[in-house]
Amino acid sequence: MGLEQRLNELEARVNNLERRFNPEMEIDLLRKELSQPVDRSAEDVEQALKIIGMGEGPRDMAKNFRRYLYEGKR
């Protein structure tokens, strides 16, 4: 097989791959998928909170977390 023939075959393969793969279409599909909320059950949320240790401590932790974290360290 000559070099020119091999080059032509490789160009044909690349063109075929480019036609099959449209990055703009893939990005649009990914954006659509990521814009949808994730469907999680109450058990999923509870398990995730256990893993990261949330749900424990004062109920107003989200509002006052800096005070709780740094209280007495200054």
Protein backbone atom coordinates (compact mmCIF):
# COMPACT_ATOMS: atom_id res chain seq x y z
CA MET A 1 0.00 0.00 0.00
CA GLY A 2 1.43 3.30 -1.01
CA LEU A 3 1.75 6.30 1.25
CA GLU A 4 -0.73 8.34 -0.79
CA GLN A 5 -3.35 5.57 -0.64
CA ARG A 6 -2.89 5.21 3.10
CA LEU A 7 -3.21 8.99 3.55
CA ASN A 8 -6.45 8.98 1.53
CA GLU A 9 -7.86 6.15 3.69
CA LEU A 10 -6.94 7.97 6.89
CA GLU A 11 -8.56 11.19 5.63
CA ALA A 12 -11.71 9.22 4.78
CA ARG A 13 -11.76 7.71 8.29
CA VAL A 14 -11.31 11.14 9.90
CA ASN A 15 -14.11 12.61 7.78
CA ASN A 16 -16.38 9.73 8.73
CA LEU A 17 -15.64 10.24 12.43
CA GLU A 18 -16.24 13.98 12.17
CA ARG A 19 -19.64 13.36 10.57
CA ARG A 20 -20.59 10.90 13.31
CA PHE A 21 -19.46 13.15 16.15
CA ASN A 22 -21.00 16.60 16.32
CA PRO A 23 -19.55 18.32 19.42
CA GLU A 24 -22.18 21.08 19.36
CA MET A 25 -24.96 18.52 19.50
CA GLU A 26 -23.22 16.68 22.35
CA ILE A 27 -22.82 19.92 24.31
CA ASP A 28 -26.48 20.82 23.80
CA LEU A 29 -27.57 17.39 25.05
CA LEU A 30 -25.27 17.68 28.07
CA ARG A 31 -26.57 21.16 28.92
CA LYS A 32 -30.15 19.90 28.73
CA GLU A 33 -29.34 16.93 30.96
CA LEU A 34 -27.50 19.05 33.52
CA SER A 35 -30.29 21.65 33.65
CA GLN A 36 -32.75 19.02 34.92
CA PRO A 37 -32.94 18.52 38.67
CA VAL A 38 -31.62 15.25 39.97
CA ASP A 39 -34.33 12.87 41.17
CA ARG A 40 -33.32 11.90 44.70
CA SER A 41 -35.39 10.09 47.26
CA ALA A 42 -35.58 11.14 50.90
CA GLU A 43 -33.38 8.16 51.75
CA ASP A 44 -30.76 9.32 49.24
CA VAL A 45 -30.67 12.77 50.82
CA GLU A 46 -30.50 11.34 54.34
CA GLN A 47 -27.61 9.03 53.38
CA ALA A 48 -25.70 11.90 51.74
CA LEU A 49 -26.15 14.08 54.83
CA LYS A 50 -24.85 11.26 57.04
CA ILE A 51 -21.76 10.87 54.87
CA ILE A 52 -20.79 14.53 55.16
CA GLY A 53 -21.93 14.88 58.77
CA MET A 54 -24.64 17.44 58.13
CA GLY A 55 -27.93 17.44 59.91
CA GLU A 56 -26.17 17.40 63.24
CA GLY A 57 -25.66 20.36 65.51
CA PRO A 58 -27.68 23.54 65.92
CA ARG A 59 -30.63 24.07 63.55
CA ASP A 60 -29.35 27.54 62.61
CA MET A 61 -25.92 26.25 61.60
CA ALA A 62 -26.33 27.42 57.99
CA LYS A 63 -26.89 31.00 59.11
CA ASN A 64 -24.26 31.08 61.85
CA PHE A 65 -21.64 28.58 60.68
CA ARG A 66 -18.72 31.03 60.92
CA ARG A 67 -19.56 31.86 64.52
CA TYR A 68 -19.76 28.16 65.43
CA LEU A 69 -16.55 27.30 63.58
CA TYR A 70 -14.41 30.13 64.87
CA GLU A 71 -15.95 30.83 68.29
CA GLY A 72 -13.22 30.85 70.91
CA LYS A 73 -10.37 30.66 68.39
CA ARG A 74 -9.66 34.38 68.28
